[in-house]
N, C-alpha and C. Protein backbone atom coordinates (compact mmCIF):
# COMPACT_ATOMS: atom_id res chain seq x y z
N MET A 1 -86.31 -97.06 25.54
CA MET A 1 -85.10 -97.80 25.88
C MET A 1 -84.23 -97.90 24.62
N GLU A 2 -82.96 -97.61 24.80
CA GLU A 2 -82.01 -97.64 23.70
C GLU A 2 -81.78 -99.08 23.23
N PHE A 3 -81.40 -99.22 21.97
CA PHE A 3 -81.20 -100.54 21.37
C PHE A 3 -80.17 -101.36 22.14
N LYS A 4 -79.04 -100.74 22.51
CA LYS A 4 -78.01 -101.49 23.25
C LYS A 4 -78.53 -101.95 24.61
N GLU A 5 -79.37 -101.16 25.23
CA GLU A 5 -79.95 -101.54 26.52
C GLU A 5 -80.87 -102.75 26.36
N LYS A 6 -81.64 -102.77 25.27
CA LYS A 6 -82.52 -103.91 25.02
C LYS A 6 -81.70 -105.18 24.78
N ILE A 7 -80.65 -105.06 23.99
CA ILE A 7 -79.77 -106.20 23.71
C ILE A 7 -79.15 -106.69 25.00
N LYS A 8 -78.68 -105.76 25.84
CA LYS A 8 -78.07 -106.12 27.12
C LYS A 8 -79.06 -106.88 28.00
N ASP A 9 -80.30 -106.41 28.06
CA ASP A 9 -81.32 -107.07 28.87
C ASP A 9 -81.66 -108.46 28.33
N ILE A 10 -81.75 -108.58 27.00
CA ILE A 10 -82.04 -109.88 26.39
C ILE A 10 -80.91 -110.86 26.66
N LEU A 11 -79.66 -110.41 26.50
CA LEU A 11 -78.51 -111.29 26.75
C LEU A 11 -78.42 -111.69 28.22
N LEU A 12 -78.76 -110.77 29.11
CA LEU A 12 -78.76 -111.09 30.54
C LEU A 12 -79.80 -112.17 30.85
N ASN A 13 -80.98 -112.04 30.26
CA ASN A 13 -82.02 -113.05 30.46
C ASN A 13 -81.62 -114.41 29.88
N ILE A 14 -81.01 -114.40 28.70
CA ILE A 14 -80.54 -115.65 28.10
C ILE A 14 -79.46 -116.27 28.97
N SER A 15 -78.57 -115.45 29.52
CA SER A 15 -77.52 -115.95 30.40
C SER A 15 -78.12 -116.64 31.62
N MET A 16 -79.11 -116.01 32.23
CA MET A 16 -79.72 -116.61 33.43
C MET A 16 -80.49 -117.88 33.08
N LEU A 17 -81.14 -117.90 31.92
CA LEU A 17 -81.84 -119.12 31.48
C LEU A 17 -80.85 -120.25 31.21
N ALA A 18 -79.72 -119.92 30.58
CA ALA A 18 -78.69 -120.93 30.31
C ALA A 18 -78.13 -121.48 31.62
N TYR A 19 -77.93 -120.60 32.59
CA TYR A 19 -77.42 -121.05 33.89
C TYR A 19 -78.43 -121.97 34.57
N ALA A 20 -79.70 -121.59 34.55
CA ALA A 20 -80.75 -122.42 35.16
C ALA A 20 -80.85 -123.77 34.45
N ALA A 21 -80.79 -123.75 33.12
CA ALA A 21 -80.87 -125.00 32.36
C ALA A 21 -79.67 -125.90 32.65
N SER A 22 -78.51 -125.29 32.85
CA SER A 22 -77.31 -126.09 33.13
C SER A 22 -77.44 -126.84 34.46
N CYS A 23 -78.27 -126.33 35.34
CA CYS A 23 -78.46 -126.99 36.64
C CYS A 23 -79.34 -128.24 36.56
N ILE A 24 -80.13 -128.35 35.51
CA ILE A 24 -81.04 -129.50 35.41
C ILE A 24 -80.67 -130.47 34.29
N LEU A 25 -79.61 -130.16 33.57
CA LEU A 25 -79.17 -131.03 32.48
C LEU A 25 -77.87 -131.75 32.84
N PRO A 26 -77.59 -132.87 32.17
CA PRO A 26 -76.33 -133.57 32.42
C PRO A 26 -75.15 -132.68 32.06
N CYS A 27 -74.14 -132.64 32.94
CA CYS A 27 -73.00 -131.78 32.63
C CYS A 27 -71.68 -132.54 32.50
N LEU A 28 -71.46 -133.55 33.31
CA LEU A 28 -70.21 -134.31 33.24
C LEU A 28 -70.50 -135.80 33.22
N THR A 29 -69.68 -136.53 32.50
CA THR A 29 -69.78 -137.98 32.49
C THR A 29 -68.46 -138.55 32.97
N THR A 30 -68.54 -139.48 33.91
CA THR A 30 -67.36 -140.22 34.34
C THR A 30 -67.53 -141.65 33.85
N ARG A 31 -66.60 -142.51 34.21
CA ARG A 31 -66.73 -143.91 33.78
C ARG A 31 -67.96 -144.59 34.38
N THR A 32 -68.39 -144.11 35.54
CA THR A 32 -69.45 -144.82 36.25
C THR A 32 -70.77 -144.07 36.34
N GLU A 33 -70.78 -142.75 36.11
CA GLU A 33 -72.02 -142.01 36.29
C GLU A 33 -72.07 -140.76 35.42
N VAL A 34 -73.29 -140.25 35.29
CA VAL A 34 -73.52 -138.96 34.63
C VAL A 34 -73.97 -137.99 35.72
N LEU A 35 -73.26 -136.88 35.82
CA LEU A 35 -73.58 -135.89 36.84
C LEU A 35 -74.47 -134.80 36.26
N ILE A 36 -75.55 -134.52 36.96
CA ILE A 36 -76.45 -133.43 36.59
C ILE A 36 -75.88 -132.15 37.19
N GLY A 37 -76.18 -131.02 36.57
CA GLY A 37 -75.62 -129.74 37.00
C GLY A 37 -75.83 -129.43 38.47
N TYR A 38 -77.03 -129.68 39.00
CA TYR A 38 -77.27 -129.35 40.40
C TYR A 38 -76.40 -130.20 41.33
N GLN A 39 -76.04 -131.42 40.91
CA GLN A 39 -75.16 -132.25 41.73
C GLN A 39 -73.77 -131.60 41.83
N CYS A 40 -73.30 -131.09 40.72
CA CYS A 40 -72.00 -130.40 40.72
C CYS A 40 -72.09 -129.11 41.55
N LEU A 41 -73.19 -128.40 41.40
CA LEU A 41 -73.37 -127.14 42.13
C LEU A 41 -73.40 -127.38 43.64
N LEU A 42 -74.12 -128.41 44.08
CA LEU A 42 -74.24 -128.68 45.51
C LEU A 42 -73.00 -129.33 46.11
N SER A 43 -72.28 -130.12 45.34
CA SER A 43 -71.10 -130.79 45.87
C SER A 43 -69.84 -129.94 45.76
N GLY A 44 -69.89 -128.88 44.99
CA GLY A 44 -68.72 -128.04 44.76
C GLY A 44 -68.03 -127.51 45.99
N PRO A 45 -68.78 -126.98 46.98
CA PRO A 45 -68.10 -126.43 48.16
C PRO A 45 -67.27 -127.46 48.93
N PHE A 46 -67.64 -128.72 48.85
CA PHE A 46 -66.92 -129.77 49.58
C PHE A 46 -65.60 -130.13 48.92
N THR A 47 -65.40 -129.68 47.69
CA THR A 47 -64.14 -130.00 47.00
C THR A 47 -62.97 -129.22 47.57
N ILE A 48 -63.24 -128.21 48.41
CA ILE A 48 -62.13 -127.48 49.03
C ILE A 48 -61.28 -128.41 49.88
N ILE A 49 -61.89 -129.48 50.37
CA ILE A 49 -61.17 -130.44 51.21
C ILE A 49 -60.29 -131.35 50.36
N THR A 50 -60.82 -131.80 49.22
CA THR A 50 -60.12 -132.82 48.44
C THR A 50 -59.43 -132.30 47.19
N ASP A 51 -59.90 -131.17 46.64
CA ASP A 51 -59.38 -130.74 45.34
C ASP A 51 -59.54 -129.23 45.20
N ILE A 52 -58.50 -128.49 45.54
CA ILE A 52 -58.58 -127.02 45.53
C ILE A 52 -58.80 -126.49 44.11
N GLY A 53 -58.28 -127.18 43.09
CA GLY A 53 -58.49 -126.74 41.70
C GLY A 53 -59.96 -126.78 41.32
N ALA A 54 -60.63 -127.86 41.68
CA ALA A 54 -62.06 -127.97 41.40
C ALA A 54 -62.84 -126.93 42.19
N PHE A 55 -62.39 -126.63 43.40
CA PHE A 55 -63.07 -125.59 44.19
C PHE A 55 -62.95 -124.23 43.53
N LEU A 56 -61.78 -123.92 42.99
CA LEU A 56 -61.60 -122.64 42.30
C LEU A 56 -62.52 -122.54 41.08
N ILE A 57 -62.64 -123.64 40.36
CA ILE A 57 -63.54 -123.67 39.21
C ILE A 57 -64.98 -123.49 39.68
N TRP A 58 -65.36 -124.18 40.74
CA TRP A 58 -66.72 -124.06 41.27
C TRP A 58 -66.99 -122.63 41.76
N SER A 59 -65.95 -121.94 42.25
CA SER A 59 -66.15 -120.59 42.78
C SER A 59 -66.64 -119.61 41.71
N SER A 60 -66.53 -119.96 40.44
CA SER A 60 -67.08 -119.08 39.40
C SER A 60 -68.58 -118.92 39.57
N ASN A 61 -69.25 -119.89 40.22
CA ASN A 61 -70.68 -119.76 40.52
C ASN A 61 -70.94 -118.60 41.48
N ILE A 62 -70.05 -118.45 42.46
CA ILE A 62 -70.19 -117.35 43.42
C ILE A 62 -70.04 -116.02 42.69
N TYR A 63 -69.04 -115.93 41.82
CA TYR A 63 -68.84 -114.70 41.05
C TYR A 63 -70.05 -114.42 40.16
N TYR A 64 -70.56 -115.46 39.52
CA TYR A 64 -71.70 -115.29 38.61
C TYR A 64 -72.90 -114.70 39.37
N ILE A 65 -73.24 -115.30 40.48
CA ILE A 65 -74.40 -114.85 41.24
C ILE A 65 -74.16 -113.44 41.81
N THR A 66 -72.94 -113.17 42.25
CA THR A 66 -72.60 -111.83 42.75
C THR A 66 -72.80 -110.78 41.66
N ILE A 67 -72.34 -111.09 40.46
CA ILE A 67 -72.48 -110.14 39.34
C ILE A 67 -73.95 -109.91 39.01
N ILE A 68 -74.75 -110.97 38.98
CA ILE A 68 -76.18 -110.83 38.69
C ILE A 68 -76.84 -109.91 39.72
N VAL A 69 -76.54 -110.15 40.99
CA VAL A 69 -77.11 -109.31 42.06
C VAL A 69 -76.68 -107.86 41.89
N MET A 70 -75.39 -107.65 41.59
CA MET A 70 -74.89 -106.29 41.40
C MET A 70 -75.59 -105.60 40.23
N LEU A 71 -75.80 -106.32 39.13
CA LEU A 71 -76.47 -105.73 37.98
C LEU A 71 -77.91 -105.37 38.30
N PHE A 72 -78.61 -106.24 39.03
CA PHE A 72 -80.00 -105.94 39.37
C PHE A 72 -80.11 -104.78 40.36
N LYS A 73 -79.08 -104.58 41.17
CA LYS A 73 -79.09 -103.45 42.11
C LYS A 73 -78.58 -102.17 41.46
N GLY A 74 -78.15 -102.27 40.20
CA GLY A 74 -77.66 -101.09 39.48
C GLY A 74 -76.25 -100.68 39.87
N LYS A 75 -75.50 -101.58 40.48
CA LYS A 75 -74.12 -101.29 40.89
C LYS A 75 -73.18 -101.41 39.70
N ASP A 76 -72.06 -100.73 39.82
CA ASP A 76 -71.03 -100.80 38.79
C ASP A 76 -70.26 -102.11 38.94
N VAL A 77 -70.14 -102.85 37.85
CA VAL A 77 -69.40 -104.12 37.85
C VAL A 77 -68.10 -103.90 37.10
N LYS A 78 -66.99 -104.06 37.81
CA LYS A 78 -65.69 -103.97 37.15
C LYS A 78 -65.54 -105.16 36.22
N ILE A 79 -64.96 -104.94 35.06
CA ILE A 79 -64.89 -105.96 34.01
C ILE A 79 -64.05 -107.17 34.44
N ILE A 80 -63.19 -106.99 35.42
CA ILE A 80 -62.34 -108.10 35.87
C ILE A 80 -63.17 -109.23 36.50
N LEU A 81 -64.26 -108.89 37.16
CA LEU A 81 -65.08 -109.90 37.84
C LEU A 81 -65.74 -110.88 36.86
N PRO A 82 -66.46 -110.41 35.82
CA PRO A 82 -67.01 -111.39 34.87
C PRO A 82 -65.94 -112.09 34.03
N THR A 83 -64.81 -111.43 33.80
CA THR A 83 -63.72 -112.08 33.08
C THR A 83 -63.16 -113.23 33.91
N LEU A 84 -62.95 -112.99 35.19
CA LEU A 84 -62.46 -114.04 36.08
C LEU A 84 -63.47 -115.18 36.16
N SER A 85 -64.72 -114.86 36.26
CA SER A 85 -65.77 -115.88 36.32
C SER A 85 -65.76 -116.75 35.07
N PHE A 86 -65.65 -116.13 33.92
CA PHE A 86 -65.63 -116.87 32.66
C PHE A 86 -64.39 -117.75 32.55
N LEU A 87 -63.22 -117.20 32.88
CA LEU A 87 -61.98 -117.97 32.78
C LEU A 87 -61.97 -119.15 33.76
N LEU A 88 -62.50 -118.94 34.96
CA LEU A 88 -62.58 -120.04 35.90
C LEU A 88 -63.51 -121.14 35.41
N SER A 89 -64.62 -120.75 34.78
CA SER A 89 -65.55 -121.77 34.26
C SER A 89 -64.90 -122.59 33.14
N LEU A 90 -64.04 -121.95 32.38
CA LEU A 90 -63.32 -122.69 31.32
C LEU A 90 -62.30 -123.66 31.89
N GLY A 91 -61.90 -123.44 33.12
CA GLY A 91 -60.86 -124.26 33.74
C GLY A 91 -61.20 -125.73 33.82
N MET A 92 -62.46 -126.08 33.80
CA MET A 92 -62.85 -127.48 33.91
C MET A 92 -62.34 -128.30 32.72
N ILE A 93 -62.15 -127.66 31.59
CA ILE A 93 -61.63 -128.36 30.41
C ILE A 93 -60.24 -128.93 30.72
N PHE A 94 -59.47 -128.23 31.53
CA PHE A 94 -58.11 -128.66 31.87
C PHE A 94 -58.07 -129.52 33.12
N HIS A 95 -59.17 -129.56 33.84
CA HIS A 95 -59.26 -130.33 35.08
C HIS A 95 -59.97 -131.63 34.75
N ARG A 96 -59.24 -132.63 34.39
CA ARG A 96 -59.83 -133.85 33.82
C ARG A 96 -60.22 -134.91 34.82
N TYR A 97 -60.11 -134.61 36.13
CA TYR A 97 -60.45 -135.60 37.14
C TYR A 97 -61.34 -134.98 38.21
N LEU A 98 -62.21 -135.80 38.76
CA LEU A 98 -62.96 -135.44 39.95
C LEU A 98 -62.30 -136.18 41.11
N ASN A 99 -62.01 -135.49 42.16
CA ASN A 99 -61.38 -136.13 43.33
C ASN A 99 -62.43 -136.41 44.38
N TYR A 100 -62.69 -137.66 44.59
CA TYR A 100 -63.48 -138.08 45.74
C TYR A 100 -62.45 -138.67 46.70
N ASP A 101 -62.53 -139.93 47.00
CA ASP A 101 -61.44 -140.57 47.73
C ASP A 101 -60.34 -140.98 46.76
N ILE A 102 -60.75 -141.23 45.51
CA ILE A 102 -59.80 -141.56 44.46
C ILE A 102 -60.09 -140.64 43.28
N GLU A 103 -59.14 -140.53 42.36
CA GLU A 103 -59.36 -139.69 41.18
C GLU A 103 -60.27 -140.42 40.20
N VAL A 104 -61.35 -139.77 39.81
CA VAL A 104 -62.30 -140.33 38.86
C VAL A 104 -62.18 -139.50 37.58
N PRO A 105 -61.76 -140.11 36.47
CA PRO A 105 -61.58 -139.34 35.25
C PRO A 105 -62.92 -138.89 34.65
N ILE A 106 -62.92 -137.65 34.16
CA ILE A 106 -64.07 -137.13 33.43
C ILE A 106 -63.92 -137.61 31.99
N THR A 107 -64.92 -138.34 31.50
CA THR A 107 -64.81 -138.89 30.15
C THR A 107 -65.50 -138.02 29.11
N ASN A 108 -66.46 -137.18 29.55
CA ASN A 108 -67.20 -136.38 28.59
C ASN A 108 -67.81 -135.16 29.26
N PHE A 109 -67.85 -134.05 28.51
CA PHE A 109 -68.58 -132.86 28.94
C PHE A 109 -69.90 -132.85 28.17
N ASN A 110 -70.98 -132.66 28.88
CA ASN A 110 -72.31 -132.70 28.27
C ASN A 110 -72.88 -131.29 28.11
N ILE A 111 -74.09 -131.21 27.60
CA ILE A 111 -74.74 -129.94 27.28
C ILE A 111 -74.83 -129.00 28.47
N GLY A 112 -75.03 -129.55 29.66
CA GLY A 112 -75.11 -128.72 30.86
C GLY A 112 -73.84 -127.93 31.11
N TYR A 113 -72.70 -128.57 30.88
CA TYR A 113 -71.43 -127.87 31.06
C TYR A 113 -71.30 -126.72 30.06
N TYR A 114 -71.63 -126.98 28.81
CA TYR A 114 -71.50 -125.95 27.79
C TYR A 114 -72.48 -124.79 28.01
N LEU A 115 -73.66 -125.09 28.52
CA LEU A 115 -74.60 -124.03 28.87
C LEU A 115 -74.07 -123.20 30.04
N TRP A 116 -73.45 -123.88 30.99
CA TRP A 116 -72.89 -123.20 32.15
C TRP A 116 -71.78 -122.23 31.71
N VAL A 117 -70.87 -122.69 30.87
CA VAL A 117 -69.80 -121.82 30.37
C VAL A 117 -70.38 -120.69 29.52
N SER A 118 -71.38 -120.99 28.68
CA SER A 118 -71.96 -119.93 27.84
C SER A 118 -72.70 -118.89 28.68
N SER A 119 -73.27 -119.30 29.82
CA SER A 119 -73.93 -118.31 30.69
C SER A 119 -72.89 -117.33 31.24
N HIS A 120 -71.70 -117.82 31.56
CA HIS A 120 -70.63 -116.94 32.03
C HIS A 120 -70.14 -116.02 30.91
N LEU A 121 -70.03 -116.57 29.71
CA LEU A 121 -69.60 -115.77 28.56
C LEU A 121 -70.63 -114.67 28.26
N LEU A 122 -71.90 -115.02 28.26
CA LEU A 122 -72.94 -114.02 27.99
C LEU A 122 -72.95 -112.94 29.06
N LEU A 123 -72.70 -113.31 30.30
CA LEU A 123 -72.64 -112.31 31.36
C LEU A 123 -71.46 -111.36 31.15
N LEU A 124 -70.35 -111.89 30.68
CA LEU A 124 -69.20 -111.05 30.34
C LEU A 124 -69.56 -110.07 29.22
N VAL A 125 -70.25 -110.56 28.20
CA VAL A 125 -70.68 -109.69 27.10
C VAL A 125 -71.62 -108.60 27.61
N VAL A 126 -72.55 -108.96 28.49
CA VAL A 126 -73.47 -107.97 29.07
C VAL A 126 -72.69 -106.88 29.80
N CYS A 127 -71.69 -107.27 30.57
CA CYS A 127 -70.91 -106.28 31.31
C CYS A 127 -70.09 -105.40 30.37
N ILE A 128 -69.59 -105.97 29.29
CA ILE A 128 -68.87 -105.16 28.29
C ILE A 128 -69.83 -104.18 27.62
N LEU A 129 -71.03 -104.65 27.26
CA LEU A 129 -72.02 -103.75 26.67
C LEU A 129 -72.43 -102.67 27.65
N LYS A 130 -72.56 -103.01 28.90
CA LYS A 130 -72.92 -102.02 29.92
C LYS A 130 -71.87 -100.93 29.99
N LYS A 131 -70.60 -101.31 29.92
CA LYS A 131 -69.52 -100.32 29.94
C LYS A 131 -69.54 -99.46 28.69
N SER A 132 -69.90 -100.05 27.54
CA SER A 132 -69.90 -99.28 26.30
C SER A 132 -71.11 -98.36 26.20
N CYS A 133 -72.09 -98.53 27.09
CA CYS A 133 -73.29 -97.68 27.09
C CYS A 133 -73.12 -96.44 27.96
N ILE A 134 -71.95 -96.28 28.58
CA ILE A 134 -71.73 -95.12 29.45
C ILE A 134 -71.75 -93.85 28.61
N SER A 135 -72.57 -92.91 29.01
CA SER A 135 -72.70 -91.69 28.23
C SER A 135 -71.77 -90.60 28.72
N ASP A 136 -71.34 -90.65 29.97
CA ASP A 136 -70.46 -89.65 30.54
C ASP A 136 -69.01 -90.02 30.25
N PRO A 137 -68.28 -89.22 29.45
CA PRO A 137 -66.90 -89.57 29.09
C PRO A 137 -65.97 -89.70 30.30
N SER A 138 -66.26 -89.01 31.39
CA SER A 138 -65.40 -89.11 32.56
C SER A 138 -65.47 -90.49 33.20
N GLN A 139 -66.58 -91.18 33.00
CA GLN A 139 -66.72 -92.53 33.55
C GLN A 139 -66.08 -93.58 32.64
N ALA A 140 -65.84 -93.25 31.41
CA ALA A 140 -65.27 -94.21 30.45
C ALA A 140 -63.86 -94.62 30.84
N SER A 141 -63.16 -93.79 31.60
CA SER A 141 -61.79 -94.13 32.00
C SER A 141 -61.78 -95.28 33.00
N GLN A 142 -62.92 -95.61 33.59
CA GLN A 142 -63.01 -96.70 34.56
C GLN A 142 -63.08 -98.06 33.89
N LEU A 143 -63.13 -98.11 32.58
CA LEU A 143 -63.19 -99.38 31.86
C LEU A 143 -61.91 -100.14 32.12
């Protein structure tokens, strides 16, 4: 196995571990509660009713899982998909409220949030490395 392939596999595993860890660690703090990652993951789809911005941010989870499945199946991943996933995950920094029935301000981002964003970033790096490992020059134009 080539060195870049080993690095790509290691980074992919770290990305998946970071994503899994983000689900069990505190990710957001509001004035009244600390939200664990799995709470955000499970409640995310319901935000389409109350807060479309939060739903778009949550949708980066769908992109993340889709990309992982595509990589394991050996499918070609266009670089726009992991880039979109990463940028959407960063969107929470600008989305300072959780909308339930009333707006609840986010007072702090915790380790779970940063692991979640880093898992998206690492997946983007893996996809970039995958594209740079193409040996056939005719396929390089698809970057």
